[in-house]
Protein backbone atom coordinates (compact mmCIF):
# COMPACT_ATOMS: atom_id res chain seq x y z
CA MET A 1 14.79 -3.42 18.77
CA THR A 2 14.29 -7.21 18.78
CA GLU A 3 16.69 -9.80 17.43
CA ALA A 4 14.29 -10.34 14.53
CA ASP A 5 14.43 -6.64 13.69
CA PHE A 6 18.22 -6.84 13.37
CA VAL A 7 17.81 -9.75 10.95
CA TYR A 8 15.08 -7.93 9.02
CA ASP A 9 17.30 -4.84 8.64
CA ARG A 10 19.40 -6.86 6.18
CA TYR A 11 16.41 -6.84 3.85
CA ASP A 12 15.08 -3.31 4.32
CA HIS A 13 17.14 -0.56 2.69
CA VAL A 14 14.61 1.59 0.79
CA ARG A 15 12.75 4.65 2.18
CA PRO A 16 10.33 6.56 -0.11
CA ILE A 17 9.32 9.42 2.24
CA ARG A 18 11.60 11.97 3.91
CA TRP A 19 10.49 14.92 6.03
CA THR A 20 13.19 17.61 6.11
CA GLY A 21 11.43 20.00 8.45
CA GLU A 22 10.71 22.35 5.56
CA ALA A 23 9.52 20.04 2.78
CA LEU A 24 8.29 16.52 2.11
CA GLU A 25 10.67 14.67 -0.18
CA LEU A 26 9.07 11.81 -2.11
CA LEU A 27 11.08 9.26 -4.07
CA ASP A 28 9.61 9.60 -7.56
CA GLN A 29 8.39 6.11 -8.36
CA ARG A 30 7.44 7.03 -11.91
CA VAL A 31 11.08 7.04 -13.03
CA LEU A 32 12.40 4.02 -11.12
CA PRO A 33 14.38 1.81 -11.49
CA PHE A 34 16.86 3.72 -13.61
CA THR A 35 16.55 7.17 -12.03
CA LEU A 36 16.59 7.87 -8.29
CA VAL A 37 15.25 11.34 -7.63
CA HIS A 38 13.23 12.84 -4.78
CA GLU A 39 10.51 15.37 -5.57
CA ALA A 40 10.30 18.09 -2.92
CA CYS A 41 6.76 19.13 -1.96
CA ARG A 42 6.50 22.43 -0.11
CA SER A 43 2.70 22.77 -0.02
CA SER A 44 -0.31 20.54 0.50
CA GLU A 45 -1.30 21.18 -3.11
CA GLU A 46 2.01 19.75 -4.29
CA VAL A 47 1.53 16.70 -2.06
CA ALA A 48 -1.97 16.14 -3.48
CA ASP A 49 -0.61 16.46 -7.02
CA ALA A 50 2.18 13.98 -6.22
CA ILE A 51 -0.33 11.45 -4.87
CA ARG A 52 -2.58 11.87 -7.89
CA ALA A 53 0.34 11.56 -10.33
CA LEU A 54 1.69 8.39 -8.63
CA VAL A 55 4.94 9.99 -7.53
CA VAL A 56 4.07 8.26 -4.28
CA ARG A 57 1.81 5.20 -4.31
CA GLY A 58 0.72 2.35 -2.07
CA ALA A 59 -2.07 2.83 0.45
CA PRO A 60 0.08 3.27 3.61
CA ALA A 61 2.57 5.60 1.89
CA ILE A 62 -0.29 7.68 0.49
CA GLY A 63 -1.71 8.07 4.00
CA ILE A 64 1.68 9.08 5.42
CA ALA A 65 2.27 11.58 2.62
CA ALA A 66 -1.19 13.07 3.13
CA ALA A 67 -0.52 13.51 6.86
CA TRP A 68 2.61 15.49 6.06
CA GLY A 69 0.55 17.39 3.49
CA VAL A 70 -1.69 18.61 6.33
CA VAL A 71 1.43 19.72 8.22
CA LEU A 72 2.50 21.73 5.19
CA ALA A 73 -0.98 23.22 4.86
CA GLY A 74 -0.70 24.49 8.42
CA ARG A 75 2.60 26.26 7.85
CA GLY A 76 2.14 30.02 7.86
CA LEU A 77 -1.39 29.83 9.24
CA GLU A 78 -1.50 32.49 11.95
CA THR A 79 -3.96 31.51 14.66
CA ASN A 80 -3.74 30.10 18.19
CA ASP A 81 -7.22 28.61 17.93
CA SER A 82 -7.09 24.97 16.80
CA ALA A 83 -10.79 25.00 15.88
CA GLU A 84 -10.16 27.97 13.61
CA ALA A 85 -7.13 26.16 12.17
CA LEU A 86 -9.27 23.12 11.39
CA ARG A 87 -11.87 25.25 9.64
CA ARG A 88 -9.23 26.96 7.51
CA LEU A 89 -7.37 23.72 6.77
CA GLU A 90 -10.46 21.77 5.72
CA PRO A 91 -10.23 22.71 1.99
CA ALA A 92 -6.64 21.44 1.87
CA ILE A 93 -7.68 18.23 3.66
CA GLN A 94 -10.48 17.73 1.14
CA ARG A 95 -8.07 18.20 -1.78
CA LEU A 96 -5.74 15.60 -0.31
CA HIS A 97 -8.63 13.18 0.18
CA ALA A 98 -9.79 13.58 -3.41
CA ALA A 99 -6.34 12.69 -4.79
CA ARG A 100 -6.91 8.89 -4.45
CA PRO A 101 -10.41 8.06 -3.15
CA THR A 102 -10.11 4.23 -3.09
CA ALA A 103 -7.20 4.03 -0.63
CA VAL A 104 -8.84 4.00 2.81
CA ASN A 105 -5.52 4.80 4.52
CA LEU A 106 -5.74 8.26 3.01
CA ALA A 107 -9.06 9.02 4.71
CA TRP A 108 -7.85 7.31 7.91
CA ALA A 109 -4.69 9.42 8.14
CA LEU A 110 -6.59 12.62 7.42
CA ALA A 111 -9.13 11.70 10.11
CA ARG A 112 -6.28 11.33 12.59
CA MET A 113 -4.96 14.75 11.65
CA ARG A 114 -8.42 16.27 12.10
CA GLY A 115 -8.66 14.57 15.48
CA VAL A 116 -5.38 16.13 16.60
CA LEU A 117 -6.67 19.56 15.70
CA ALA A 118 -9.88 18.90 17.64
CA ARG A 119 -7.91 17.93 20.76
CA SER A 120 -5.02 20.39 20.67
CA GLY A 121 -4.73 23.99 21.74
CA ALA A 122 -2.38 26.80 20.80
CA ASP A 123 0.38 24.29 19.92
CA TRP A 124 -1.77 22.69 17.17
CA CYS A 125 0.94 23.13 14.52
CA GLU A 126 3.52 21.17 16.55
CA ALA A 127 0.82 18.59 17.39
CA LEU A 128 0.17 18.03 13.69
CA GLU A 129 3.85 17.36 13.06
CA ARG A 130 4.03 14.92 15.99
CA GLU A 131 1.00 13.05 14.67
CA ALA A 132 2.38 12.77 11.14
CA ARG A 133 5.63 11.39 12.56
CA ALA A 134 3.66 8.95 14.73
CA ILE A 135 1.68 7.68 11.72
CA GLU A 136 4.95 7.03 9.88
CA THR A 137 6.69 5.35 12.85
CA GLU A 138 3.69 3.19 13.68
CA ASP A 139 3.47 2.01 10.07
CA LEU A 140 7.04 0.71 10.07
CA ALA A 141 6.49 -1.13 13.37
CA ALA A 142 3.23 -2.59 12.06
CA ASN A 143 4.95 -3.81 8.90
CA ARG A 144 7.59 -5.66 10.90
CA ALA A 145 4.85 -7.30 13.00
CA MET A 146 2.83 -8.29 9.92
CA GLY A 147 5.92 -9.67 8.23
CA ARG A 148 6.59 -11.93 11.19
CA ALA A 149 2.95 -13.08 11.46
CA GLY A 150 2.52 -13.70 7.74
CA ALA A 151 5.81 -15.56 7.36
CA ALA A 152 4.76 -17.91 10.17
CA LEU A 153 1.95 -19.23 7.93
CA ILE A 154 4.34 -20.26 5.17
CA GLU A 155 5.94 -23.71 5.16
CA PRO A 156 9.75 -23.69 4.80
CA GLY A 157 10.91 -23.99 1.21
CA SER A 158 7.73 -22.51 -0.28
CA GLY A 159 7.50 -20.44 -3.42
CA VAL A 160 5.49 -17.21 -3.40
CA LEU A 161 4.03 -14.92 -6.03
CA THR A 162 3.28 -11.26 -5.38
CA HIS A 163 1.41 -8.65 -7.42
CA CYS A 164 1.99 -4.91 -7.78
CA ASN A 165 4.35 -3.29 -5.25
CA THR A 166 3.71 -3.60 -1.53
CA GLY A 167 7.19 -3.01 -0.19
CA SER A 168 9.12 -0.15 1.33
CA LEU A 169 8.15 2.03 -1.62
CA ALA A 170 4.47 1.63 -0.71
CA THR A 171 4.87 2.16 3.04
CA ALA A 172 7.10 3.77 5.66
CA GLY A 173 9.47 0.80 5.19
CA PHE A 174 9.70 -3.01 5.04
CA GLY A 175 6.33 -3.31 3.37
CA THR A 176 3.11 -5.25 3.81
CA ALA A 177 2.96 -8.25 1.46
CA LEU A 178 6.58 -7.68 0.51
CA GLY A 179 7.33 -7.44 4.23
CA VAL A 180 6.02 -10.99 4.63
CA ILE A 181 8.32 -12.02 1.79
CA ARG A 182 11.27 -10.20 3.38
CA ALA A 183 10.57 -11.87 6.72
CA GLY A 184 10.05 -15.24 5.05
CA VAL A 185 13.39 -14.99 3.26
CA ALA A 186 15.13 -13.85 6.46
CA GLU A 187 13.65 -16.82 8.34
CA GLN A 188 14.47 -19.21 5.48
CA ARG A 189 10.83 -20.11 4.91
CA ILE A 190 10.63 -18.79 1.34
CA GLY A 191 12.74 -20.48 -1.29
CA ARG A 192 11.45 -18.84 -4.48
CA VAL A 193 9.97 -15.40 -5.18
CA PHE A 194 8.01 -14.47 -8.29
CA ALA A 195 6.60 -11.04 -9.16
CA THR A 196 4.07 -10.07 -11.81
CA GLU A 197 4.98 -7.12 -14.01
CA THR A 198 1.60 -5.52 -13.08
CA ARG A 199 0.36 -3.66 -16.11
CA PRO A 200 -0.23 -0.92 -17.07
CA TRP A 201 2.17 0.89 -14.71
CA ASN A 202 4.53 -2.08 -14.32
CA GLN A 203 4.91 -1.61 -10.56
CA GLY A 204 6.09 -5.19 -10.22
CA ALA A 205 8.66 -4.93 -12.99
CA ARG A 206 9.90 -1.43 -12.16
CA LEU A 207 9.51 -1.33 -8.37
CA THR A 208 9.16 -4.75 -6.73
CA ALA A 209 11.95 -6.37 -8.73
CA TRP A 210 14.17 -3.34 -8.05
CA GLU A 211 13.40 -3.32 -4.31
CA LEU A 212 14.18 -7.00 -3.94
CA SER A 213 17.42 -6.60 -5.86
CA GLN A 214 18.42 -3.75 -3.50
CA ASP A 215 18.02 -6.17 -0.60
CA GLY A 216 19.80 -9.07 -2.27
CA ILE A 217 16.64 -11.16 -2.65
CA ASP A 218 16.54 -13.15 -5.87
CA ALA A 219 13.21 -12.77 -7.68
CA THR A 220 11.82 -13.93 -11.02
CA LEU A 221 9.60 -11.59 -13.05
CA ILE A 222 6.62 -12.91 -15.02
CA VAL A 223 4.04 -11.30 -17.27
CA ASP A 224 0.65 -10.97 -15.61
CA SER A 225 -0.91 -13.54 -17.93
CA ALA A 226 1.65 -16.23 -16.96
CA ALA A 227 0.44 -16.44 -13.34
CA ALA A 228 -2.05 -19.29 -13.76
CA HIS A 229 0.48 -21.36 -15.72
CA LEU A 230 3.08 -20.72 -13.00
CA MET A 231 0.67 -22.04 -10.37
CA LYS A 232 0.01 -25.11 -12.50
CA THR A 233 3.74 -25.95 -12.47
CA GLY A 234 3.70 -26.21 -8.68
CA GLN A 235 6.43 -23.62 -8.14
CA VAL A 236 4.34 -21.42 -5.85
CA GLN A 237 2.39 -22.34 -2.73
CA TRP A 238 1.25 -18.85 -1.70
CA ILE A 239 0.00 -15.71 -3.42
CA VAL A 240 0.83 -12.77 -1.14
CA VAL A 241 -0.73 -9.39 -1.95
CA GLY A 242 -1.53 -6.09 -0.28
CA ALA A 243 -4.80 -4.18 -0.08
CA ASP A 244 -6.16 -0.70 -0.60
CA ARG A 245 -9.38 -1.42 1.30
CA ILE A 246 -10.68 -4.39 3.29
CA CYS A 247 -14.41 -4.48 3.97
CA ALA A 248 -16.26 -5.61 7.08
CA ASN A 249 -16.82 -9.07 5.57
CA GLY A 250 -13.21 -9.46 4.36
CA ASP A 251 -13.79 -8.53 0.70
CA THR A 252 -10.62 -6.80 -0.45
CA ALA A 253 -9.89 -4.12 -3.05
CA ASN A 254 -6.39 -4.23 -4.49
CA LYS A 255 -4.50 -3.55 -7.70
CA ILE A 256 -6.36 -4.66 -10.82
CA GLY A 257 -5.49 -8.29 -11.55
CA THR A 258 -5.64 -9.45 -7.92
CA TYR A 259 -9.10 -10.98 -8.34
CA GLN A 260 -8.05 -13.22 -11.21
CA LEU A 261 -5.00 -14.36 -9.22
CA ALA A 262 -7.31 -15.42 -6.37
CA ILE A 263 -9.54 -17.37 -8.77
CA ALA A 264 -6.55 -19.16 -10.30
CA ALA A 265 -5.06 -19.82 -6.87
CA ARG A 266 -8.25 -21.52 -5.63
CA HIS A 267 -8.37 -23.71 -8.75
CA HIS A 268 -4.75 -24.82 -8.30
CA GLY A 269 -4.80 -25.31 -4.51
CA VAL A 270 -2.50 -22.34 -3.92
CA LYS A 271 -3.08 -20.34 -0.72
CA PHE A 272 -4.00 -16.66 -0.94
CA MET A 273 -2.84 -14.11 1.67
CA VAL A 274 -3.77 -10.43 2.00
CA VAL A 275 -1.41 -8.31 4.10
CA ALA A 276 -2.33 -4.79 5.19
CA PRO A 277 -2.33 -2.59 8.30
CA SER A 278 -5.54 -2.37 10.30
CA SER A 279 -5.95 1.20 9.01
CA THR A 280 -6.87 -0.43 5.66
CA VAL A 281 -9.81 -2.24 7.26
CA ASP A 282 -13.05 -0.33 6.64
CA MET A 283 -15.68 -1.71 8.99
CA ALA A 284 -18.12 0.93 7.77
CA THR A 285 -18.25 -0.70 4.32
CA ALA A 286 -20.12 -3.99 4.55
CA ALA A 287 -18.94 -5.63 1.34
CA GLY A 288 -16.89 -5.10 -1.78
CA ASP A 289 -19.82 -4.09 -3.98
CA ALA A 290 -19.91 -0.74 -2.15
CA ILE A 291 -16.28 0.16 -2.94
CA GLU A 292 -15.71 2.98 -5.41
CA ILE A 293 -13.38 1.66 -8.12
CA GLU A 294 -11.08 4.38 -9.39
CA GLN A 295 -10.83 4.76 -13.17
CA ARG A 296 -7.67 6.23 -14.65
CA ASP A 297 -7.00 7.79 -18.02
CA PRO A 298 -7.49 5.18 -20.79
CA ALA A 299 -4.47 6.73 -22.52
CA GLU A 300 -2.28 4.81 -20.05
CA LEU A 301 -3.15 1.65 -22.00
CA LEU A 302 -2.76 3.18 -25.42
CA ALA A 303 0.84 4.39 -25.14
CA PHE A 304 4.19 3.17 -23.83
CA ARG A 305 6.69 5.73 -22.52
CA GLY A 306 4.75 8.50 -24.18
CA LYS A 307 4.52 6.84 -27.63
CA ARG A 308 1.19 5.54 -28.86
CA VAL A 309 1.30 1.82 -29.60
CA VAL A 310 -2.41 1.23 -30.32
CA ALA A 311 -4.20 2.10 -33.55
CA GLU A 312 -6.12 5.36 -33.65
CA GLY A 313 -9.77 5.00 -32.76
CA VAL A 314 -9.25 2.09 -30.37
CA ARG A 315 -10.86 2.63 -26.96
CA ALA A 316 -9.60 1.38 -23.58
CA TRP A 317 -11.09 0.66 -20.15
CA ASN A 318 -8.69 1.31 -17.26
CA PRO A 319 -9.97 0.41 -13.76
CA VAL A 320 -7.15 0.64 -11.21
CA PHE A 321 -8.54 -1.84 -8.68
CA ASP A 322 -10.70 -4.93 -8.47
CA VAL A 323 -12.36 -6.64 -5.51
CA THR A 324 -11.49 -10.14 -4.33
CA PRO A 325 -14.38 -11.82 -2.44
CA HIS A 326 -13.49 -12.99 1.04
CA ALA A 327 -14.39 -16.57 0.10
CA LEU A 328 -11.25 -16.70 -2.07
CA ILE A 329 -8.93 -15.42 0.70
CA ASP A 330 -7.19 -17.86 3.06
CA ALA A 331 -5.67 -15.30 5.43
CA ILE A 332 -5.83 -11.58 6.14
CA VAL A 333 -2.75 -10.49 8.07
CA THR A 334 -2.68 -7.21 10.03
CA GLU A 335 -0.61 -5.92 12.93
CA LYS A 336 -3.63 -6.62 15.17
CA GLY A 337 -3.73 -10.28 14.26
CA VAL A 338 -4.44 -12.86 11.56
CA VAL A 339 -7.91 -13.72 10.27
CA LEU A 340 -8.05 -17.17 8.67
CA GLN A 341 -10.88 -17.86 6.18
CA PRO A 342 -12.24 -14.35 6.76
CA GLY A 343 -15.91 -13.54 7.00
CA ALA A 344 -18.06 -10.92 8.70
CA ASP A 345 -18.07 -12.62 12.12
CA LYS A 346 -14.30 -13.15 12.23
CA MET A 347 -13.63 -9.62 11.00
CA ARG A 348 -15.96 -8.19 13.62
CA ALA A 349 -14.25 -10.16 16.38
CA LEU A 350 -10.89 -8.51 15.62
CA PHE A 351 -11.85 -5.10 14.28
CA ALA A 352 -15.22 -4.19 15.83
CA ALA A 353 -13.65 -1.49 17.99
CA GLN A 354 -12.20 0.52 15.11
């Protein structure tokens, strides 16, 4: 562990995923910040349901949970033939993949688990567990590296605004965009932190603000529609967000509302940073127009805490993600390196091998 890691530990206390050896325990993010409860998943079907229901959320955390879901699917499967195991596990893998189709980390993690089965022998079950643990461990190390690299771009004393939740709750720990904020605070580069509430699930209000308070980081919450006005006041110099998918040209899919933040940031001279592990980079998708945008139940907009707040007969449109064009992004930060002013050539130079 490096000296920086010891400093970062002061700002990294939350863990959303726990493997007990018998079950996958997921910190239920639907009931935070007032209730801390772990939901125990003992089958791959329960893991898929938890992903779909947003018990666990955030692209890296979804991928980690899905990997453990494959481990659970393999429990009780009696065969010494890994090829036979893969054939019999494929329906469970497909169910896990269908739980959240936009998050590329989900497909990436499941591909790694398939690869282990293709390479292993009679010990395929133990190999699956080792691979799931490796995916989780590598994610935490990557987050620390991204935090350090992203913070280095920020001038001391800067204010930052973040959207949705990209912290420990969305990863194995430390976070992606929130990891940059944690590192920036630890290195005394960030002087002010703002978080959007992030409607309709309020991940910023319920999760990001709670996470930062757990780590002793002072943060100010704003409504989503106050972001442009905040930029106009000069209190923020960087927008720092995560990603659910980054295309070969640098176009980025993230939580709905990210695109309008990037537009406002460009108008006000505020820098825009995307922070995500390289597993989020999808070099097979050329540009953002090809990304499938997940639509959730419109009822999420029509009710609050189970009580309808909108007149009967009113319809709603509820896309979960939008796509920010690469031309509006100043930096993409991954554990493999930083891409400034991303475009197809620069993305290819760093990620062509994956």
